[in-house]
Amino acid sequence: MKITDVRLRTVKSEEETKLKAYADITLEGCFVIHGLKIIDGQKGMFVAMPSRKMPDGEYKDIAHPITLDLRKEITNTVISKYNEILKAEGETQVEPAPIEE
């Protein structure tokens, strides 16, 4: 699947937060996934899939890539778009966290 569009909404906060932006991606111009999150984790930036809080308090992804290749493509494309925004704002660009196989 090819990602044909990425839309980001950065999170601006007075206090430091791990959540940096929300993203929506379009796949092959015909399917949209809303609610991805760019998170600054312990190993670097990563893209979290949209999730829902379950009755037991646990969060479960409601959409996620099945293959490692698609996960890498989503991560690299979304982080690249985020870096475009950072560059335009004069901020330091970031690297995605390694994706474990």
PDB file of N, CA and C in Angstrom:
ATOM      1  N   MET A   1       0.849  -1.184   0.000  1.00  0.00           N
ATOM      2  CA  MET A   1       0.000   0.000   0.000  1.00  0.00           C
ATOM      3  C   MET A   1       0.889   1.239   0.000  1.00  0.00           C
ATOM      4  N   LYS A   2       0.468   2.208  -0.752  1.00  0.00           N
ATOM      5  CA  LYS A   2       1.219   3.441  -0.865  1.00  0.00           C
ATOM      6  C   LYS A   2       0.497   4.540  -0.095  1.00  0.00           C
ATOM      7  N   ILE A   3       1.251   5.288   0.689  1.00  0.00           N
ATOM      8  CA  ILE A   3       0.694   6.438   1.414  1.00  0.00           C
ATOM      9  C   ILE A   3       0.697   7.613   0.455  1.00  0.00           C
ATOM     10  N   THR A   4      -0.491   8.154   0.185  1.00  0.00           N
ATOM     11  CA  THR A   4      -0.605   9.236  -0.778  1.00  0.00           C
ATOM     12  C   THR A   4      -0.809  10.606  -0.146  1.00  0.00           C
ATOM     13  N   ASP A   5      -1.088  10.661   1.151  1.00  0.00           N
ATOM     14  CA  ASP A   5      -1.254  11.952   1.831  1.00  0.00           C
ATOM     15  C   ASP A   5      -1.028  11.769   3.321  1.00  0.00           C
ATOM     16  N   VAL A   6      -0.404  12.776   3.927  1.00  0.00           N
ATOM     17  CA  VAL A   6      -0.202  12.806   5.380  1.00  0.00           C
ATOM     18  C   VAL A   6      -0.606  14.191   5.865  1.00  0.00           C
ATOM     19  N   ARG A   7      -1.450  14.250   6.860  1.00  0.00           N
ATOM     20  CA  ARG A   7      -1.858  15.529   7.469  1.00  0.00           C
ATOM     21  C   ARG A   7      -1.509  15.474   8.942  1.00  0.00           C
ATOM     22  N   LEU A   8      -0.844  16.540   9.405  1.00  0.00           N
ATOM     23  CA  LEU A   8      -0.377  16.588  10.792  1.00  0.00           C
ATOM     24  C   LEU A   8      -0.980  17.765  11.534  1.00  0.00           C
ATOM     25  N   ARG A   9      -1.206  17.570  12.815  1.00  0.00           N
ATOM     26  CA  ARG A   9      -1.591  18.634  13.744  1.00  0.00           C
ATOM     27  C   ARG A   9      -0.621  18.552  14.919  1.00  0.00           C
ATOM     28  N   THR A  10       0.300  19.507  14.982  1.00  0.00           N
ATOM     29  CA  THR A  10       1.278  19.469  16.060  1.00  0.00           C
ATOM     30  C   THR A  10       0.611  19.838  17.376  1.00  0.00           C
ATOM     31  N   VAL A  11       1.187  19.340  18.460  1.00  0.00           N
ATOM     32  CA  VAL A  11       0.676  19.621  19.799  1.00  0.00           C
ATOM     33  C   VAL A  11       1.583  20.667  20.424  1.00  0.00           C
ATOM     34  N   LYS A  12       1.027  21.815  20.689  1.00  0.00           N
ATOM     35  CA  LYS A  12       1.769  22.891  21.347  1.00  0.00           C
ATOM     36  C   LYS A  12       1.308  22.944  22.794  1.00  0.00           C
ATOM     37  N   SER A  13       2.273  22.848  23.706  1.00  0.00           N
ATOM     38  CA  SER A  13       1.941  22.826  25.121  1.00  0.00           C
ATOM     39  C   SER A  13       2.981  23.599  25.905  1.00  0.00           C
ATOM     40  N   GLU A  14       2.549  24.248  26.954  1.00  0.00           N
ATOM     41  CA  GLU A  14       3.473  24.970  27.835  1.00  0.00           C
ATOM     42  C   GLU A  14       4.402  23.993  28.555  1.00  0.00           C
ATOM     43  N   GLU A  15       3.890  22.828  28.895  1.00  0.00           N
ATOM     44  CA  GLU A  15       4.702  21.835  29.578  1.00  0.00           C
ATOM     45  C   GLU A  15       5.190  20.794  28.585  1.00  0.00           C
ATOM     46  N   GLU A  16       6.295  20.182  28.884  1.00  0.00           N
ATOM     47  CA  GLU A  16       6.874  19.164  28.006  1.00  0.00           C
ATOM     48  C   GLU A  16       5.960  17.937  28.002  1.00  0.00           C
ATOM     49  N   THR A  17       5.625  17.481  26.816  1.00  0.00           N
ATOM     50  CA  THR A  17       4.768  16.315  26.682  1.00  0.00           C
ATOM     51  C   THR A  17       5.383  15.348  25.673  1.00  0.00           C
ATOM     52  N   LYS A  18       5.121  14.065  25.846  1.00  0.00           N
ATOM     53  CA  LYS A  18       5.664  13.062  24.926  1.00  0.00           C
ATOM     54  C   LYS A  18       4.921  13.075  23.600  1.00  0.00           C
ATOM     55  N   LEU A  19       3.654  13.461  23.610  1.00  0.00           N
ATOM     56  CA  LEU A  19       2.862  13.541  22.394  1.00  0.00           C
ATOM     57  C   LEU A  19       3.263  14.792  21.628  1.00  0.00           C
ATOM     58  N   LYS A  20       3.749  14.614  20.395  1.00  0.00           N
ATOM     59  CA  LYS A  20       4.240  15.733  19.590  1.00  0.00           C
ATOM     60  C   LYS A  20       3.273  16.163  18.499  1.00  0.00           C
ATOM     61  N   ALA A  21       2.492  15.210  17.946  1.00  0.00           N
ATOM     62  CA  ALA A  21       1.558  15.547  16.872  1.00  0.00           C
ATOM     63  C   ALA A  21       0.561  14.409  16.656  1.00  0.00           C
ATOM     64  N   TYR A  22      -0.551  14.774  16.048  1.00  0.00           N
ATOM     65  CA  TYR A  22      -1.525  13.802  15.567  1.00  0.00           C
ATOM     66  C   TYR A  22      -1.390  13.740  14.057  1.00  0.00           C
ATOM     67  N   ALA A  23      -1.608  12.574  13.477  1.00  0.00           N
ATOM     68  CA  ALA A  23      -1.491  12.419  12.035  1.00  0.00           C
ATOM     69  C   ALA A  23      -2.683  11.638  11.479  1.00  0.00           C
ATOM     70  N   ASP A  24      -3.043  11.990  10.256  1.00  0.00           N
ATOM     71  CA  ASP A  24      -4.011  11.232   9.477  1.00  0.00           C
ATOM     72  C   ASP A  24      -3.291  10.849   8.195  1.00  0.00           C
ATOM     73  N   ILE A  25      -3.434   9.601   7.765  1.00  0.00           N
ATOM     74  CA  ILE A  25      -2.794   9.177   6.521  1.00  0.00           C
ATOM     75  C   ILE A  25      -3.852   8.655   5.552  1.00  0.00           C
ATOM     76  N   THR A  26      -3.591   8.883   4.267  1.00  0.00           N
ATOM     77  CA  THR A  26      -4.443   8.345   3.212  1.00  0.00           C
ATOM     78  C   THR A  26      -3.642   7.282   2.476  1.00  0.00           C
ATOM     79  N   LEU A  27      -4.246   6.125   2.290  1.00  0.00           N
ATOM     80  CA  LEU A  27      -3.609   5.017   1.583  1.00  0.00           C
ATOM     81  C   LEU A  27      -4.194   4.915   0.186  1.00  0.00           C
ATOM     82  N   GLU A  28      -3.306   4.999  -0.796  1.00  0.00           N
ATOM     83  CA  GLU A  28      -3.649   4.865  -2.205  1.00  0.00           C
ATOM     84  C   GLU A  28      -4.823   5.733  -2.623  1.00  0.00           C
ATOM     85  N   GLY A  29      -4.960   6.883  -1.989  1.00  0.00           N
ATOM     86  CA  GLY A  29      -5.985   7.842  -2.367  1.00  0.00           C
ATOM     87  C   GLY A  29      -7.411   7.410  -2.090  1.00  0.00           C
ATOM     88  N   CYS A  30      -7.587   6.305  -1.334  1.00  0.00           N
ATOM     89  CA  CYS A  30      -8.961   5.809  -1.159  1.00  0.00           C
ATOM     90  C   CYS A  30      -9.313   5.333   0.248  1.00  0.00           C
ATOM     91  N   PHE A  31      -8.353   5.334   1.175  1.00  0.00           N
ATOM     92  CA  PHE A  31      -8.659   4.880   2.535  1.00  0.00           C
ATOM     93  C   PHE A  31      -7.894   5.752   3.518  1.00  0.00           C
ATOM     94  N   VAL A  32      -8.586   6.321   4.506  1.00  0.00           N
ATOM     95  CA  VAL A  32      -7.964   7.223   5.472  1.00  0.00           C
ATOM     96  C   VAL A  32      -7.939   6.577   6.848  1.00  0.00           C
ATOM     97  N   ILE A  33      -6.826   6.742   7.536  1.00  0.00           N
ATOM     98  CA  ILE A  33      -6.714   6.333   8.936  1.00  0.00           C
ATOM     99  C   ILE A  33      -6.452   7.595   9.743  1.00  0.00           C
ATOM    100  N   HIS A  34      -7.371   7.913  10.637  1.00  0.00           N
ATOM    101  CA  HIS A  34      -7.262   9.098  11.499  1.00  0.00           C
ATOM    102  C   HIS A  34      -6.711   8.695  12.860  1.00  0.00           C
ATOM    103  N   GLY A  35      -6.055   9.624  13.523  1.00  0.00           N
ATOM    104  CA  GLY A  35      -5.705   9.449  14.921  1.00  0.00           C
ATOM    105  C   GLY A  35      -4.383   8.775  15.222  1.00  0.00           C
ATOM    106  N   LEU A  36      -3.461   8.729  14.251  1.00  0.00           N
ATOM    107  CA  LEU A  36      -2.113   8.253  14.573  1.00  0.00           C
ATOM    108  C   LEU A  36      -1.453   9.320  15.443  1.00  0.00           C
ATOM    109  N   LYS A  37      -0.492   8.923  16.246  1.00  0.00           N
ATOM    110  CA  LYS A  37       0.176   9.875  17.144  1.00  0.00           C
ATOM    111  C   LYS A  37       1.688   9.762  16.981  1.00  0.00           C
ATOM    112  N   ILE A  38       2.360  10.908  16.950  1.00  0.00           N
ATOM    113  CA  ILE A  38       3.818  10.920  16.978  1.00  0.00           C
ATOM    114  C   ILE A  38       4.209  11.114  18.432  1.00  0.00           C
ATOM    115  N   ILE A  39       4.958  10.143  18.956  1.00  0.00           N
ATOM    116  CA  ILE A  39       5.321  10.118  20.373  1.00  0.00           C
ATOM    117  C   ILE A  39       6.843  10.128  20.505  1.00  0.00           C
ATOM    118  N   ASP A  40       7.325  10.903  21.458  1.00  0.00           N
ATOM    119  CA  ASP A  40       8.753  10.925  21.779  1.00  0.00           C
ATOM    120  C   ASP A  40       8.981   9.886  22.870  1.00  0.00           C
ATOM    121  N   GLY A  41       9.410   8.684  22.465  1.00  0.00           N
ATOM    122  CA  GLY A  41       9.603   7.582  23.395  1.00  0.00           C
ATOM    123  C   GLY A  41      11.033   7.477  23.892  1.00  0.00           C
ATOM    124  N   GLN A  42      11.300   6.474  24.695  1.00  0.00           N
ATOM    125  CA  GLN A  42      12.627   6.269  25.273  1.00  0.00           C
ATOM    126  C   GLN A  42      13.686   5.991  24.212  1.00  0.00           C
ATOM    127  N   LYS A  43      13.300   5.341  23.104  1.00  0.00           N
ATOM    128  CA  LYS A  43      14.259   4.994  22.050  1.00  0.00           C
ATOM    129  C   LYS A  43      14.199   5.954  20.867  1.00  0.00           C
ATOM    130  N   GLY A  44      13.388   6.994  20.962  1.00  0.00           N
ATOM    131  CA  GLY A  44      13.248   7.968  19.880  1.00  0.00           C
ATOM    132  C   GLY A  44      11.792   8.137  19.483  1.00  0.00           C
ATOM    133  N   MET A  45      11.582   8.875  18.397  1.00  0.00           N
ATOM    134  CA  MET A  45      10.228   9.153  17.917  1.00  0.00           C
ATOM    135  C   MET A  45       9.625   7.908  17.276  1.00  0.00           C
ATOM    136  N   PHE A  46       8.347   7.686  17.553  1.00  0.00           N
ATOM    137  CA  PHE A  46       7.645   6.597  16.896  1.00  0.00           C
ATOM    138  C   PHE A  46       6.215   7.006  16.613  1.00  0.00           C
ATOM    139  N   VAL A  47       5.582   6.262  15.732  1.00  0.00           N
ATOM    140  CA  VAL A  47       4.199   6.536  15.365  1.00  0.00           C
ATOM    141  C   VAL A  47       3.324   5.474  16.017  1.00  0.00           C
ATOM    142  N   ALA A  48       2.411   5.927  16.861  1.00  0.00           N
ATOM    143  CA  ALA A  48       1.469   5.031  17.531  1.00  0.00           C
ATOM    144  C   ALA A  48       0.179   4.977  16.714  1.00  0.00           C
ATOM    145  N   MET A  49      -0.357   3.799  16.583  1.00  0.00           N
ATOM    146  CA  MET A  49      -1.591   3.613  15.833  1.00  0.00           C
ATOM    147  C   MET A  49      -2.789   4.112  16.650  1.00  0.00           C
ATOM    148  N   PRO A  50      -3.897   4.421  15.982  1.00  0.00           N
ATOM    149  CA  PRO A  50      -5.087   4.855  16.719  1.00  0.00           C
ATOM    150  C   PRO A  50      -5.555   3.741  17.661  1.00  0.00           C
ATOM    151  N   SER A  51      -6.022   4.144  18.828  1.00  0.00           N
ATOM    152  CA  SER A  51      -6.422   3.142  19.817  1.00  0.00           C
ATOM    153  C   SER A  51      -7.694   3.570  20.538  1.00  0.00           C
ATOM    154  N   ARG A  52      -8.258   2.614  21.238  1.00  0.00           N
ATOM    155  CA  ARG A  52      -9.476   2.852  22.014  1.00  0.00           C
ATOM    156  C   ARG A  52      -9.272   2.272  23.406  1.00  0.00           C
ATOM    157  N   LYS A  53      -9.767   2.988  24.411  1.00  0.00           N
ATOM    158  CA  LYS A  53      -9.665   2.505  25.784  1.00  0.00           C
ATOM    159  C   LYS A  53     -10.754   1.465  26.022  1.00  0.00           C
ATOM    160  N   MET A  54     -10.325   0.316  26.506  1.00  0.00           N
ATOM    161  CA  MET A  54     -11.244  -0.782  26.767  1.00  0.00           C
ATOM    162  C   MET A  54     -11.829  -0.645  28.181  1.00  0.00           C
ATOM    163  N   PRO A  55     -12.915  -1.375  28.469  1.00  0.00           N
ATOM    164  CA  PRO A  55     -13.528  -1.279  29.799  1.00  0.00           C
ATOM    165  C   PRO A  55     -12.566  -1.596  30.945  1.00  0.00           C
ATOM    166  N   ASP A  56     -11.560  -2.442  30.699  1.00  0.00           N
ATOM    167  CA  ASP A  56     -10.610  -2.780  31.757  1.00  0.00           C
ATOM    168  C   ASP A  56      -9.499  -1.739  31.908  1.00  0.00           C
ATOM    169  N   GLY A  57      -9.565  -0.639  31.111  1.00  0.00           N
ATOM    170  CA  GLY A  57      -8.573   0.428  31.209  1.00  0.00           C
ATOM    171  C   GLY A  57      -7.400   0.272  30.252  1.00  0.00           C
ATOM    172  N   GLU A  58      -7.294  -0.880  29.616  1.00  0.00           N
ATOM    173  CA  GLU A  58      -6.208  -1.129  28.668  1.00  0.00           C
ATOM    174  C   GLU A  58      -6.557  -0.472  27.323  1.00  0.00           C
ATOM    175  N   TYR A  59      -5.513  -0.017  26.603  1.00  0.00           N
ATOM    176  CA  TYR A  59      -5.713   0.555  25.278  1.00  0.00           C
ATOM    177  C   TYR A  59      -5.418  -0.500  24.219  1.00  0.00           C
ATOM    178  N   LYS A  60      -6.281  -0.587  23.205  1.00  0.00           N
ATOM    179  CA  LYS A  60      -6.115  -1.540  22.104  1.00  0.00           C
ATOM    180  C   LYS A  60      -6.096  -0.752  20.797  1.00  0.00           C
ATOM    181  N   ASP A  61      -5.135  -1.092  19.922  1.00  0.00           N
ATOM    182  CA  ASP A  61      -5.109  -0.482  18.597  1.00  0.00           C
ATOM    183  C   ASP A  61      -6.381  -0.863  17.853  1.00  0.00           C
ATOM    184  N   ILE A  62      -6.955   0.102  17.135  1.00  0.00           N
ATOM    185  CA  ILE A  62      -8.145  -0.192  16.337  1.00  0.00           C
ATOM    186  C   ILE A  62      -7.805  -0.309  14.851  1.00  0.00           C
ATOM    187  N   ALA A  63      -6.604   0.089  14.486  1.00  0.00           N
ATOM    188  CA  ALA A  63      -6.089  -0.104  13.126  1.00  0.00           C
ATOM    189  C   ALA A  63      -4.580  -0.229  13.252  1.00  0.00           C
ATOM    190  N   HIS A  64      -4.014  -1.180  12.530  1.00  0.00           N
ATOM    191  CA  HIS A  64      -2.560  -1.322  12.591  1.00  0.00           C
ATOM    192  C   HIS A  64      -2.069  -2.097  11.379  1.00  0.00           C
ATOM    193  N   PRO A  65      -0.813  -1.821  10.972  1.00  0.00           N
ATOM    194  CA  PRO A  65      -0.264  -2.549   9.820  1.00  0.00           C
ATOM    195  C   PRO A  65       0.022  -4.003  10.199  1.00  0.00           C
ATOM    196  N   ILE A  66      -0.187  -4.876   9.246  1.00  0.00           N
ATOM    197  CA  ILE A  66       0.084  -6.294   9.461  1.00  0.00           C
ATOM    198  C   ILE A  66       1.550  -6.615   9.177  1.00  0.00           C
ATOM    199  N   THR A  67       2.109  -5.964   8.163  1.00  0.00           N
ATOM    200  CA  THR A  67       3.486  -6.271   7.784  1.00  0.00           C
ATOM    201  C   THR A  67       4.470  -5.255   8.351  1.00  0.00           C
ATOM    202  N   LEU A  68       5.679  -5.720   8.580  1.00  0.00           N
ATOM    203  CA  LEU A  68       6.746  -4.855   9.068  1.00  0.00           C
ATOM    204  C   LEU A  68       7.080  -3.779   8.037  1.00  0.00           C
ATOM    205  N   ASP A  69       7.038  -4.135   6.756  1.00  0.00           N
ATOM    206  CA  ASP A  69       7.333  -3.159   5.708  1.00  0.00           C
ATOM    207  C   ASP A  69       6.354  -1.990   5.716  1.00  0.00           C
ATOM    208  N   LEU A  70       5.070  -2.282   5.884  1.00  0.00           N
ATOM    209  CA  LEU A  70       4.084  -1.199   5.934  1.00  0.00           C
ATOM    210  C   LEU A  70       4.271  -0.360   7.190  1.00  0.00           C
ATOM    211  N   ARG A  71       4.573  -0.988   8.320  1.00  0.00           N
ATOM    212  CA  ARG A  71       4.822  -0.228   9.547  1.00  0.00           C
ATOM    213  C   ARG A  71       6.001   0.730   9.350  1.00  0.00           C
ATOM    214  N   LYS A  72       7.074   0.241   8.719  1.00  0.00           N
ATOM    215  CA  LYS A  72       8.241   1.091   8.457  1.00  0.00           C
ATOM    216  C   LYS A  72       7.878   2.242   7.526  1.00  0.00           C
ATOM    217  N   GLU A  73       7.100   1.938   6.471  1.00  0.00           N
ATOM    218  CA  GLU A  73       6.702   2.986   5.537  1.00  0.00           C
ATOM    219  C   GLU A  73       5.863   4.056   6.230  1.00  0.00           C
ATOM    220  N   ILE A  74       4.912   3.639   7.045  1.00  0.00           N
ATOM    221  CA  ILE A  74       4.080   4.602   7.775  1.00  0.00           C
ATOM    222  C   ILE A  74       4.953   5.453   8.687  1.00  0.00           C
ATOM    223  N   THR A  75       5.802   4.810   9.472  1.00  0.00           N
ATOM    224  CA  THR A  75       6.668   5.541  10.401  1.00  0.00           C
ATOM    225  C   THR A  75       7.561   6.532   9.666  1.00  0.00           C
ATOM    226  N   ASN A  76       8.265   6.064   8.643  1.00  0.00           N
ATOM    227  CA  ASN A  76       9.195   6.930   7.926  1.00  0.00           C
ATOM    228  C   ASN A  76       8.482   8.089   7.229  1.00  0.00           C
ATOM    229  N   THR A  77       7.327   7.834   6.630  1.00  0.00           N
ATOM    230  CA  THR A  77       6.590   8.877   5.928  1.00  0.00           C
ATOM    231  C   THR A  77       6.040   9.914   6.895  1.00  0.00           C
ATOM    232  N   VAL A  78       5.465   9.477   7.999  1.00  0.00           N
ATOM    233  CA  VAL A  78       4.883  10.413   8.966  1.00  0.00           C
ATOM    234  C   VAL A  78       5.982  11.222   9.659  1.00  0.00           C
ATOM    235  N   ILE A  79       7.072  10.583  10.064  1.00  0.00           N
ATOM    236  CA  ILE A  79       8.175  11.308  10.708  1.00  0.00           C
ATOM    237  C   ILE A  79       8.813  12.287   9.724  1.00  0.00           C
ATOM    238  N   SER A  80       8.918  11.914   8.456  1.00  0.00           N
ATOM    239  CA  SER A  80       9.455  12.806   7.431  1.00  0.00           C
ATOM    240  C   SER A  80       8.593  14.060   7.297  1.00  0.00           C
ATOM    241  N   LYS A  81       7.277  13.887   7.290  1.00  0.00           N
ATOM    242  CA  LYS A  81       6.355  15.035   7.223  1.00  0.00           C
ATOM    243  C   LYS A  81       6.498  15.898   8.473  1.00  0.00           C
ATOM    244  N   TYR A  82       6.649  15.268   9.624  1.00  0.00           N
ATOM    245  CA  TYR A  82       6.853  16.000  10.874  1.00  0.00           C
ATOM    246  C   TYR A  82       8.142  16.819  10.803  1.00  0.00           C
ATOM    247  N   ASN A  83       9.193  16.229  10.236  1.00  0.00           N
ATOM    248  CA  ASN A  83      10.461  16.942  10.089  1.00  0.00           C
ATOM    249  C   ASN A  83      10.333  18.157   9.166  1.00  0.00           C
ATOM    250  N   GLU A  84       9.479  18.073   8.145  1.00  0.00           N
ATOM    251  CA  GLU A  84       9.228  19.228   7.281  1.00  0.00           C
ATOM    252  C   GLU A  84       8.666  20.389   8.090  1.00  0.00           C
ATOM    253  N   ILE A  85       7.748  20.076   8.994  1.00  0.00           N
ATOM    254  CA  ILE A  85       7.150  21.112   9.844  1.00  0.00           C
ATOM    255  C   ILE A  85       8.200  21.682  10.789  1.00  0.00           C
ATOM    256  N   LEU A  86       9.001  20.802  11.409  1.00  0.00           N
ATOM    257  CA  LEU A  86      10.048  21.271  12.316  1.00  0.00           C
ATOM    258  C   LEU A  86      11.036  22.180  11.582  1.00  0.00           C
ATOM    259  N   LYS A  87      11.429  21.803  10.389  1.00  0.00           N
ATOM    260  CA  LYS A  87      12.377  22.592   9.602  1.00  0.00           C
ATOM    261  C   LYS A  87      11.801  23.970   9.291  1.00  0.00           C
ATOM    262  N   ALA A  88      10.523  24.008   8.914  1.00  0.00           N
ATOM    263  CA  ALA A  88       9.865  25.281   8.604  1.00  0.00           C
ATOM    264  C   ALA A  88       9.792  26.192   9.828  1.00  0.00           C
ATOM    265  N   GLU A  89       9.720  25.597  11.012  1.00  0.00           N
ATOM    266  CA  GLU A  89       9.644  26.369  12.255  1.00  0.00           C
ATOM    267  C   GLU A  89      11.025  26.641  12.846  1.00  0.00           C
ATOM    268  N   GLY A  90      12.091  26.172  12.158  1.00  0.00           N
ATOM    269  CA  GLY A  90      13.454  26.386  12.646  1.00  0.00           C
ATOM    270  C   GLY A  90      13.836  25.482  13.802  1.00  0.00           C
ATOM    271  N   GLU A  91      13.130  24.380  13.957  1.00  0.00           N
ATOM    272  CA  GLU A  91      13.394  23.427  15.042  1.00  0.00           C
ATOM    273  C   GLU A  91      14.349  22.328  14.560  1.00  0.00           C
ATOM    274  N   THR A  92      14.930  21.606  15.512  1.00  0.00           N
ATOM    275  CA  THR A  92      15.809  20.487  15.195  1.00  0.00           C
ATOM    276  C   THR A  92      14.984  19.302  14.708  1.00  0.00           C
ATOM    277  N   GLN A  93      15.434  18.690  13.608  1.00  0.00           N
ATOM    278  CA  GLN A  93      14.728  17.540  13.062  1.00  0.00           C
ATOM    279  C   GLN A  93      15.018  16.302  13.908  1.00  0.00           C
ATOM    280  N   VAL A  94      14.162  15.288  13.774  1.00  0.00           N
ATOM    281  CA  VAL A  94      14.246  14.086  14.617  1.00  0.00           C
ATOM    282  C   VAL A  94      14.419  12.841  13.765  1.00  0.00           C
ATOM    283  N   GLU A  95      14.907  11.781  14.386  1.00  0.00           N
ATOM    284  CA  GLU A  95      15.044  10.476  13.752  1.00  0.00           C
ATOM    285  C   GLU A  95      14.000   9.533  14.352  1.00  0.00           C
ATOM    286  N   PRO A  96      13.432   8.658  13.519  1.00  0.00           N
ATOM    287  CA  PRO A  96      12.509   7.678  14.093  1.00  0.00           C
ATOM    288  C   PRO A  96      13.246   6.636  14.933  1.00  0.00           C
ATOM    289  N   ALA A  97      12.571   6.125  15.931  1.00  0.00           N
ATOM    290  CA  ALA A  97      13.121   5.036  16.738  1.00  0.00           C
ATOM    291  C   ALA A  97      13.258   3.801  15.863  1.00  0.00           C
ATOM    292  N   PRO A  98      14.245   2.952  16.151  1.00  0.00           N
ATOM    293  CA  PRO A  98      14.360   1.716  15.367  1.00  0.00           C
ATOM    294  C   PRO A  98      13.121   0.845  15.538  1.00  0.00           C
ATOM    295  N   ILE A  99      12.710   0.212  14.443  1.00  0.00           N
ATOM    296  CA  ILE A  99      11.565  -0.684  14.488  1.00  0.00           C
ATOM    297  C   ILE A  99      12.094  -2.105  14.608  1.00  0.00           C
ATOM    298  N   GLU A 100      11.698  -2.765  15.673  1.00  0.00           N
ATOM    299  CA  GLU A 100      12.189  -4.115  15.934  1.00  0.00           C
ATOM    300  C   GLU A 100      11.390  -5.120  15.144  1.00  0.00           C
ATOM    301  N   GLU A 101      12.081  -6.093  14.588  1.00  0.00           N
ATOM    302  CA  GLU A 101      11.425  -7.130  13.782  1.00  0.00           C
ATOM    303  C   GLU A 101      10.901  -8.246  14.639  1.00  0.00           C
TER     304      GLU A 101
END
